Amino acid sequence: MNKLIVIFIFFLGKHSVNSQIVPSSCSAPNSIKALYSKDADRIALRKFYAQNLVDTNNIFISQIHSDTVLRALIAVFNATALPARNAVILQYNIHTFLNPNMNSLYVAADSNLLWMQQLKAGYIPTGNMQVDNLISTYSLNKQNYNKFFGLFSYHVVTFASGSNCNLPPLTVLFESITGVSFSEPASFVGDGNDISASIYANYIELTFSHGWGDCPAGCIYRHYWKFKVYYNCAVEFTGEFGTPLPSSPPTIFVSDSICTNKTLTVTISGANSSSLNNQPIFTPQFTLSSPTPTTYIIIASNNTYSTSQSISIVDCSTLTAFINENKLYTNISIYPNPVNEILNVESEVFNGKIEIKIVNVLGNLVMKEEFKIKTDATQINVSTLPRGIYYIKVGNEVGKFVKE
């Protein structure tokens, strides 16, 4: 009996070490709310699709759902007495990963249409009532216009929204316009830090995770922190788990556009000092933009390691995509199309090894592999690619496929 009592006491002691609860607040200045409103909307949007809710039909995201999550996120932000809070907020600056995209979408349409020519020239309104109504209603701005060097009959416009939106039903509205070939949300390749939420009767459980190790292909390692946020805004840290955190160099993550006159976001994790072109940086996340081509040098350091990264801002209108032929060739066979996981590629004109490249609708290279072309089909695993339209180049042959 004594032995059982000792074991029971030890269990309680271990539990008390892993669980801490502190009073907090769900109120914050607008600047702090702005930091986490995108996270709250994205978490709500994921819930709509995971549970197949009717909200998936609405372009504007219901604030009833996202406000509940936003209050919980702010409560964790305000729980400064918890060391775990400092890890997820200050050290790793964890936010939701960028999928699903809530702010930019592609519209591919006949380049001869008057409204497309207006967009190409940078004129809004375009003169097309349907297009202009969507642009006005959902606060859209033209972010990019891609001509694909005359390779296709359509051109692709990238629209950016100033507000967070549920983009799939918006793309359906664009596809209903005469002359539009397709429309789809912009997507992001890879993985990274993330936040998830589960709502219960008495509390909201937030899980923050830090991912590292080849994250462009899907992070190999991940560490988690769990918090319970009660409806009186008290925060309980319930523990952490996953891969042990490494003593590793800081990471510098760059997202969004590297084109002139566009904005890119830089996120630095695991650093206690950093600089931009030799000038100190005092925030773990910031934006960069330049009207002319230039290069930024970012250096991030902690007590053990230092990491540097060069970011070149380029004039994207002068870039040449690797698909620069003026026609589609016919000696390449790709199937199934649409494809979900395995794409089969056959070519009659190549022997031995050949480089295969895949790009998205903006001409960005998303996959490059070297294969031995066989008499039967060469198989390519495209399961990690987001849904969308892609172009595949085998030698000088170009084909097109849809990832479901």
Protein backbone atom coordinates (compact mmCIF):
# COMPACT_ATOMS: atom_id res chain seq x y z
CA MET A 1 0.00 0.00 0.00
CA ASN A 2 2.81 2.45 0.83
CA LYS A 3 4.36 1.79 -2.54
CA LEU A 4 1.08 2.65 -4.27
CA ILE A 5 0.78 5.91 -2.32
CA VAL A 6 4.27 6.98 -3.30
CA ILE A 7 3.59 6.31 -6.99
CA PHE A 8 0.31 8.26 -6.84
CA ILE A 9 1.98 11.28 -5.25
CA PHE A 10 4.71 11.22 -7.89
CA PHE A 11 2.08 11.25 -10.65
CA LEU A 12 0.38 14.31 -9.20
CA GLY A 13 3.70 16.10 -8.88
CA LYS A 14 4.57 15.42 -12.50
CA HIS A 15 1.17 16.70 -13.63
CA SER A 16 1.50 19.95 -11.69
CA VAL A 17 4.88 20.66 -13.30
CA ASN A 18 3.47 20.27 -16.82
CA SER A 19 0.29 22.28 -16.25
CA GLN A 20 0.22 25.97 -15.43
CA ILE A 21 -2.79 28.31 -15.39
CA VAL A 22 -2.67 32.09 -15.19
CA PRO A 23 -5.25 34.87 -15.49
CA SER A 24 -5.12 36.73 -18.77
CA SER A 25 -7.11 39.10 -20.96
CA CYS A 26 -8.87 38.71 -24.32
CA SER A 27 -8.51 42.43 -25.06
CA ALA A 28 -5.69 43.98 -27.06
CA PRO A 29 -4.90 47.04 -29.18
CA ASN A 30 -5.85 46.91 -32.85
CA SER A 31 -2.20 46.39 -33.78
CA ILE A 32 -2.15 43.10 -31.84
CA LYS A 33 -5.55 42.05 -33.16
CA ALA A 34 -4.24 42.62 -36.68
CA LEU A 35 -1.34 40.22 -35.99
CA TYR A 36 -3.72 37.36 -35.23
CA SER A 37 -6.91 38.13 -37.17
CA LYS A 38 -5.56 36.33 -40.24
CA ASP A 39 -4.75 33.29 -38.08
CA ALA A 40 -8.27 33.30 -36.61
CA ASP A 41 -9.92 33.58 -40.03
CA ARG A 42 -7.74 30.81 -41.48
CA ILE A 43 -8.49 28.48 -38.55
CA ALA A 44 -12.22 29.16 -38.97
CA LEU A 45 -12.00 28.51 -42.72
CA ARG A 46 -10.22 25.19 -42.14
CA LYS A 47 -13.03 24.20 -39.77
CA PHE A 48 -15.69 25.00 -42.39
CA TYR A 49 -14.12 22.66 -44.93
CA ALA A 50 -13.12 19.93 -42.47
CA GLN A 51 -16.69 19.71 -41.16
CA ASN A 52 -18.35 20.47 -44.53
CA LEU A 53 -20.31 23.38 -43.06
CA VAL A 54 -22.63 25.59 -45.09
CA ASP A 55 -20.13 28.43 -44.52
CA THR A 56 -18.00 26.97 -47.33
CA ASN A 57 -20.47 28.63 -49.73
CA ASN A 58 -19.85 32.11 -48.32
CA ILE A 59 -17.04 34.29 -49.65
CA PHE A 60 -16.90 36.47 -46.55
CA ILE A 61 -15.69 34.53 -43.50
CA SER A 62 -18.17 34.41 -40.62
CA GLN A 63 -16.77 36.44 -37.73
CA ILE A 64 -18.86 34.47 -35.24
CA HIS A 65 -16.41 31.61 -35.70
CA SER A 66 -13.19 33.54 -36.12
CA ASP A 67 -13.80 35.98 -33.24
CA THR A 68 -13.96 33.08 -30.78
CA VAL A 69 -10.54 31.88 -31.92
CA LEU A 70 -9.16 35.43 -32.05
CA ARG A 71 -10.05 36.01 -28.38
CA ALA A 72 -8.23 32.81 -27.44
CA LEU A 73 -5.14 33.77 -29.45
CA ILE A 74 -5.05 37.19 -27.78
CA ALA A 75 -5.40 35.57 -24.36
CA VAL A 76 -2.28 33.47 -25.03
CA PHE A 77 -0.48 36.56 -26.30
CA ASN A 78 -1.32 38.35 -23.03
CA ALA A 79 -0.34 35.39 -20.80
CA THR A 80 3.20 36.69 -20.34
CA ALA A 81 3.66 34.80 -17.07
CA LEU A 82 3.85 31.51 -18.97
CA PRO A 83 7.32 30.60 -20.30
CA ALA A 84 5.66 28.53 -23.03
CA ARG A 85 3.86 31.65 -24.22
CA ASN A 86 7.21 33.36 -24.69
CA ALA A 87 8.43 30.39 -26.76
CA VAL A 88 5.53 30.42 -29.23
CA ILE A 89 5.07 34.21 -29.38
CA LEU A 90 8.59 35.64 -29.07
CA GLN A 91 11.12 32.92 -29.81
CA TYR A 92 9.40 31.13 -32.72
CA ASN A 93 6.77 33.76 -33.66
CA ILE A 94 4.27 31.04 -34.59
CA HIS A 95 1.34 31.83 -36.86
CA THR A 96 -0.85 29.68 -39.10
CA PHE A 97 0.78 28.31 -42.22
CA LEU A 98 -0.40 30.07 -45.37
CA ASN A 99 -2.82 27.39 -46.62
CA PRO A 100 -5.59 28.01 -47.40
CA ASN A 101 -4.79 31.26 -49.13
CA MET A 102 -7.36 33.92 -48.26
CA ASN A 103 -6.02 36.88 -50.18
CA SER A 104 -4.92 36.10 -53.75
CA LEU A 105 -6.32 34.18 -56.71
CA TYR A 106 -5.56 33.57 -60.38
CA VAL A 107 -7.95 34.36 -63.23
CA ALA A 108 -7.01 33.03 -66.69
CA ALA A 109 -8.96 34.56 -69.57
CA ASP A 110 -8.85 35.32 -73.28
CA SER A 111 -6.16 37.98 -73.68
CA ASN A 112 -8.14 39.64 -76.50
CA LEU A 113 -11.02 40.63 -74.22
CA LEU A 114 -11.29 44.36 -73.62
CA TRP A 115 -11.39 43.97 -69.83
CA MET A 116 -8.25 41.83 -69.91
CA GLN A 117 -6.50 44.48 -72.01
CA GLN A 118 -7.59 47.09 -69.45
CA LEU A 119 -6.14 44.99 -66.62
CA LYS A 120 -2.93 44.49 -68.59
CA ALA A 121 -2.62 48.28 -68.86
CA GLY A 122 -3.41 48.66 -65.15
CA TYR A 123 -6.84 50.26 -65.56
CA ILE A 124 -9.62 49.57 -63.05
CA PRO A 125 -12.58 49.70 -63.57
CA THR A 126 -12.23 47.55 -66.65
CA GLY A 127 -15.57 48.26 -68.33
CA ASN A 128 -16.88 44.72 -67.73
CA MET A 129 -19.74 44.97 -65.24
CA GLN A 130 -19.29 41.46 -63.80
CA VAL A 131 -15.53 41.83 -63.36
CA ASP A 132 -15.77 45.32 -61.90
CA ASN A 133 -18.50 44.27 -59.49
CA LEU A 134 -16.34 41.43 -58.13
CA ILE A 135 -13.30 43.72 -57.88
CA SER A 136 -15.31 46.32 -55.96
CA THR A 137 -17.27 43.95 -53.72
CA TYR A 138 -14.22 41.96 -52.57
CA SER A 139 -11.64 44.80 -52.56
CA LEU A 140 -9.48 43.21 -55.25
CA ASN A 141 -6.37 44.76 -56.75
CA LYS A 142 -4.37 43.55 -59.73
CA GLN A 143 -1.17 42.08 -58.31
CA ASN A 144 0.37 40.59 -61.44
CA TYR A 145 -0.33 40.01 -65.12
CA ASN A 146 1.37 37.05 -66.84
CA LYS A 147 1.41 36.74 -70.63
CA PHE A 148 3.35 33.45 -70.78
CA PHE A 149 5.28 34.89 -73.74
CA GLY A 150 2.48 34.08 -76.16
CA LEU A 151 2.57 30.37 -75.38
CA PHE A 152 -1.15 30.14 -74.54
CA SER A 153 -4.30 31.79 -75.82
CA TYR A 154 -5.09 33.08 -72.33
CA HIS A 155 -3.26 35.39 -69.95
CA VAL A 156 -3.33 35.07 -66.16
CA VAL A 157 -4.21 37.91 -63.80
CA THR A 158 -3.35 37.60 -60.11
CA PHE A 159 -5.80 39.47 -57.89
CA ALA A 160 -5.05 40.33 -54.27
CA SER A 161 -7.78 41.07 -51.74
CA GLY A 162 -7.29 43.51 -48.90
CA SER A 163 -9.60 41.41 -46.73
CA ASN A 164 -9.55 37.73 -45.81
CA CYS A 165 -11.93 35.75 -48.03
CA ASN A 166 -13.06 32.21 -48.70
CA LEU A 167 -11.68 32.12 -52.24
CA PRO A 168 -13.11 28.92 -53.86
CA PRO A 169 -16.67 30.32 -54.24
CA LEU A 170 -15.17 33.57 -55.54
CA THR A 171 -13.26 31.66 -58.23
CA VAL A 172 -16.57 30.05 -59.26
CA LEU A 173 -18.02 33.53 -59.87
CA PHE A 174 -15.03 34.45 -62.04
CA GLU A 175 -15.36 31.21 -64.02
CA SER A 176 -18.97 32.14 -64.85
CA ILE A 177 -17.74 35.19 -66.83
CA THR A 178 -17.54 34.73 -70.59
CA GLY A 179 -13.97 34.29 -71.78
CA VAL A 180 -12.55 33.02 -68.48
CA SER A 181 -10.72 29.70 -68.92
CA PHE A 182 -10.23 28.96 -65.24
CA SER A 183 -9.82 30.61 -61.85
CA GLU A 184 -8.25 29.22 -58.68
CA PRO A 185 -6.82 30.40 -55.35
CA ALA A 186 -3.08 30.95 -55.27
CA SER A 187 -1.41 28.15 -53.32
CA PHE A 188 1.73 27.73 -51.28
CA VAL A 189 4.13 24.80 -51.49
CA GLY A 190 5.60 23.19 -48.39
CA ASP A 191 4.90 23.50 -44.69
CA GLY A 192 6.04 25.46 -41.66
CA ASN A 193 4.91 26.73 -38.28
CA ASP A 194 1.18 26.41 -37.63
CA ILE A 195 -1.67 26.88 -35.14
CA SER A 196 -4.76 24.69 -34.77
CA ALA A 197 -7.81 25.10 -32.53
CA SER A 198 -10.50 22.87 -31.04
CA ILE A 199 -13.55 24.38 -29.34
CA TYR A 200 -15.04 22.67 -26.28
CA ALA A 201 -17.86 23.54 -23.88
CA ASN A 202 -15.62 25.11 -21.24
CA TYR A 203 -12.49 26.12 -23.13
CA ILE A 204 -10.71 26.45 -26.46
CA GLU A 205 -7.64 24.31 -27.00
CA LEU A 206 -4.91 25.95 -29.06
CA THR A 207 -1.98 23.93 -30.40
CA PHE A 208 1.05 25.85 -31.59
CA SER A 209 3.65 23.93 -33.58
CA HIS A 210 7.15 24.73 -34.80
CA GLY A 211 8.26 22.78 -37.87
CA TRP A 212 11.76 22.45 -39.26
CA GLY A 213 13.85 20.22 -41.51
CA ASP A 214 13.20 20.49 -45.29
CA CYS A 215 9.93 22.38 -44.80
CA PRO A 216 9.58 23.25 -48.51
CA ALA A 217 8.91 19.51 -49.00
CA GLY A 218 6.93 19.16 -45.72
CA CYS A 219 8.65 19.61 -42.38
CA ILE A 220 10.47 16.51 -41.15
CA TYR A 221 10.39 17.55 -37.48
CA ARG A 222 7.71 19.26 -35.40
CA HIS A 223 7.37 20.39 -31.79
CA TYR A 224 4.02 21.22 -30.16
CA TRP A 225 2.73 23.40 -27.31
CA LYS A 226 -0.86 23.05 -26.04
CA PHE A 227 -2.90 25.69 -24.23
CA LYS A 228 -6.42 25.72 -22.85
CA VAL A 229 -8.07 29.13 -22.97
CA TYR A 230 -11.13 29.33 -20.74
CA TYR A 231 -14.03 31.62 -21.52
CA ASN A 232 -13.02 33.96 -18.68
CA CYS A 233 -9.75 34.36 -20.68
CA ALA A 234 -7.61 32.44 -18.18
CA VAL A 235 -4.88 30.44 -19.94
CA GLU A 236 -3.62 27.02 -18.95
CA PHE A 237 -0.45 25.58 -20.45
CA THR A 238 -1.05 21.84 -20.57
CA GLY A 239 2.28 20.66 -21.97
CA GLU A 240 4.53 20.22 -24.96
CA PHE A 241 5.51 17.22 -27.03
CA GLY A 242 6.91 16.13 -30.38
CA THR A 243 10.49 16.20 -31.63
CA PRO A 244 12.83 17.79 -29.05
CA LEU A 245 13.70 21.33 -30.03
CA PRO A 246 17.17 21.50 -31.55
CA SER A 247 20.00 23.79 -30.68
CA SER A 248 20.09 25.03 -34.23
CA PRO A 249 20.75 28.08 -36.38
CA PRO A 250 18.01 30.71 -36.72
CA THR A 251 15.65 30.35 -39.66
CA ILE A 252 14.74 33.05 -42.17
CA PHE A 253 11.44 32.40 -43.98
CA VAL A 254 10.43 34.51 -46.98
CA SER A 255 6.90 34.43 -48.41
CA ASP A 256 4.94 36.26 -51.08
CA SER A 257 6.36 38.10 -54.11
CA ILE A 258 9.98 39.02 -54.87
CA CYS A 259 8.90 41.27 -57.76
CA THR A 260 9.46 45.01 -57.82
CA ASN A 261 6.58 47.08 -56.38
CA LYS A 262 5.27 44.01 -54.56
CA THR A 263 5.45 43.15 -50.89
CA LEU A 264 7.19 40.12 -49.40
CA THR A 265 7.08 39.01 -45.78
CA VAL A 266 10.18 37.92 -43.87
CA THR A 267 9.87 35.84 -40.69
CA ILE A 268 12.90 35.15 -38.48
CA SER A 269 12.75 32.37 -35.88
CA GLY A 270 15.21 31.25 -33.21
CA ALA A 271 17.28 34.46 -33.20
CA ASN A 272 18.08 36.96 -30.47
CA SER A 273 19.58 39.51 -32.88
CA SER A 274 19.18 40.22 -36.58
CA SER A 275 19.97 42.85 -39.19
CA LEU A 276 18.86 44.02 -42.63
CA ASN A 277 21.66 45.41 -44.79
CA ASN A 278 23.70 45.90 -41.60
CA GLN A 279 20.87 47.81 -39.86
CA PRO A 280 19.45 46.21 -36.67
CA ILE A 281 15.99 44.61 -36.82
CA PHE A 282 13.87 44.63 -33.68
CA THR A 283 10.88 42.53 -34.82
CA PRO A 284 10.74 38.84 -35.83
CA GLN A 285 8.47 39.57 -38.80
CA PHE A 286 8.56 42.44 -41.28
CA THR A 287 7.81 43.29 -44.91
CA LEU A 288 10.03 44.44 -47.77
CA SER A 289 9.23 46.20 -51.03
CA SER A 290 11.23 48.05 -53.66
CA PRO A 291 10.23 49.94 -56.84
CA THR A 292 13.52 48.95 -58.49
CA PRO A 293 15.62 45.76 -58.58
CA THR A 294 17.79 45.47 -55.50
CA THR A 295 19.24 42.96 -53.04
CA TYR A 296 18.67 42.67 -49.30
CA ILE A 297 21.06 40.82 -46.98
CA ILE A 298 19.49 39.46 -43.79
CA ILE A 299 21.61 38.10 -40.93
CA ALA A 300 20.06 36.39 -37.89
CA SER A 301 22.04 35.14 -34.88
CA ASN A 302 21.55 33.41 -31.57
CA ASN A 303 24.05 32.51 -28.88
CA THR A 304 25.55 29.68 -30.97
CA TYR A 305 24.76 30.12 -34.67
CA SER A 306 24.43 32.75 -37.35
CA THR A 307 22.33 32.49 -40.53
CA SER A 308 22.39 34.79 -43.54
CA GLN A 309 20.14 35.03 -46.56
CA SER A 310 20.23 37.14 -49.71
CA ILE A 311 16.89 38.27 -51.16
CA SER A 312 16.89 39.68 -54.67
CA ILE A 313 14.00 41.90 -55.77
CA VAL A 314 13.63 41.53 -59.53
CA ASP A 315 11.65 43.05 -62.37
CA CYS A 316 9.38 40.09 -63.01
CA SER A 317 8.28 41.43 -66.39
CA THR A 318 11.74 40.63 -67.76
CA LEU A 319 11.92 37.07 -66.44
CA THR A 320 11.88 34.22 -68.91
CA ALA A 321 10.15 31.07 -67.77
CA PHE A 322 11.83 27.84 -68.73
CA ILE A 323 8.81 27.05 -70.90
CA ASN A 324 9.80 29.38 -73.70
CA GLU A 325 8.80 27.43 -76.77
CA ASN A 326 6.08 28.85 -78.98
CA LYS A 327 4.04 25.68 -79.30
CA LEU A 328 2.91 22.59 -77.46
CA TYR A 329 4.52 19.41 -78.70
CA THR A 330 2.62 16.18 -79.26
CA ASN A 331 5.22 13.49 -78.59
CA ILE A 332 4.61 13.64 -74.85
CA SER A 333 1.82 11.63 -73.23
CA ILE A 334 0.75 12.30 -69.64
CA TYR A 335 -2.01 10.47 -67.77
CA PRO A 336 -4.24 10.33 -65.82
CA ASN A 337 -5.35 13.91 -66.29
CA PRO A 338 -6.65 15.16 -63.88
CA VAL A 339 -4.23 13.43 -61.51
CA ASN A 340 -4.26 12.95 -57.75
CA GLU A 341 -1.04 11.14 -56.84
CA ILE A 342 0.91 9.42 -59.64
CA LEU A 343 1.40 11.07 -63.03
CA ASN A 344 2.54 8.78 -65.84
CA VAL A 345 4.79 10.34 -68.50
CA GLU A 346 5.59 8.74 -71.86
CA SER A 347 7.78 10.19 -74.63
CA GLU A 348 8.71 8.67 -77.98
CA VAL A 349 11.76 10.77 -78.76
CA PHE A 350 14.07 10.45 -75.76
CA ASN A 351 16.37 7.68 -74.62
CA GLY A 352 18.47 7.53 -71.47
CA LYS A 353 18.17 10.17 -68.75
CA ILE A 354 16.11 13.32 -69.18
CA GLU A 355 15.27 16.22 -66.87
CA ILE A 356 11.61 16.74 -66.12
CA LYS A 357 10.37 20.10 -64.80
CA ILE A 358 6.94 21.12 -63.50
CA VAL A 359 5.75 24.72 -63.10
CA ASN A 360 2.55 26.35 -61.83
CA VAL A 361 0.38 28.82 -63.76
CA LEU A 362 2.70 31.70 -62.85
CA GLY A 363 5.73 29.96 -64.35
CA ASN A 364 7.25 29.18 -60.94
CA LEU A 365 9.28 25.96 -60.85
CA VAL A 366 7.74 23.60 -58.28
CA MET A 367 9.45 20.30 -59.12
CA LYS A 368 12.56 19.19 -61.00
CA GLU A 369 13.71 15.59 -61.29
CA GLU A 370 16.01 13.55 -63.51
CA PHE A 371 14.54 10.31 -64.83
CA LYS A 372 15.46 7.52 -67.18
CA ILE A 373 12.85 7.58 -69.93
CA LYS A 374 11.62 4.04 -70.47
CA THR A 375 9.60 2.27 -73.12
CA ASP A 376 6.78 2.12 -70.60
CA ALA A 377 5.58 5.09 -68.52
CA THR A 378 7.80 7.03 -66.13
CA GLN A 379 5.93 7.67 -62.87
CA ILE A 380 6.09 10.98 -60.99
CA ASN A 381 4.57 11.42 -57.53
CA VAL A 382 2.73 14.77 -57.53
CA SER A 383 0.70 14.13 -54.36
CA THR A 384 2.48 16.96 -52.51
CA LEU A 385 1.48 19.59 -55.08
CA PRO A 386 -1.52 21.78 -54.22
CA ARG A 387 -4.61 21.55 -56.42
CA GLY A 388 -4.25 23.53 -59.63
CA ILE A 389 -3.09 23.60 -63.23
CA TYR A 390 0.54 22.75 -64.02
CA TYR A 391 2.82 22.50 -67.03
CA ILE A 392 5.37 19.73 -67.44
CA LYS A 393 8.44 19.94 -69.64
CA VAL A 394 10.25 16.82 -70.82
CA GLY A 395 13.25 17.95 -72.83
CA ASN A 396 11.69 20.42 -75.28
CA GLU A 397 8.23 18.94 -75.01
CA VAL A 398 5.55 20.67 -72.98
CA GLY A 399 2.35 19.22 -71.59
CA LYS A 400 -0.40 20.42 -69.28
CA PHE A 401 -2.14 18.61 -66.42
CA VAL A 402 -4.53 19.32 -63.58
CA LYS A 403 -3.76 18.29 -60.00
CA GLU A 404 -7.02 17.35 -58.26
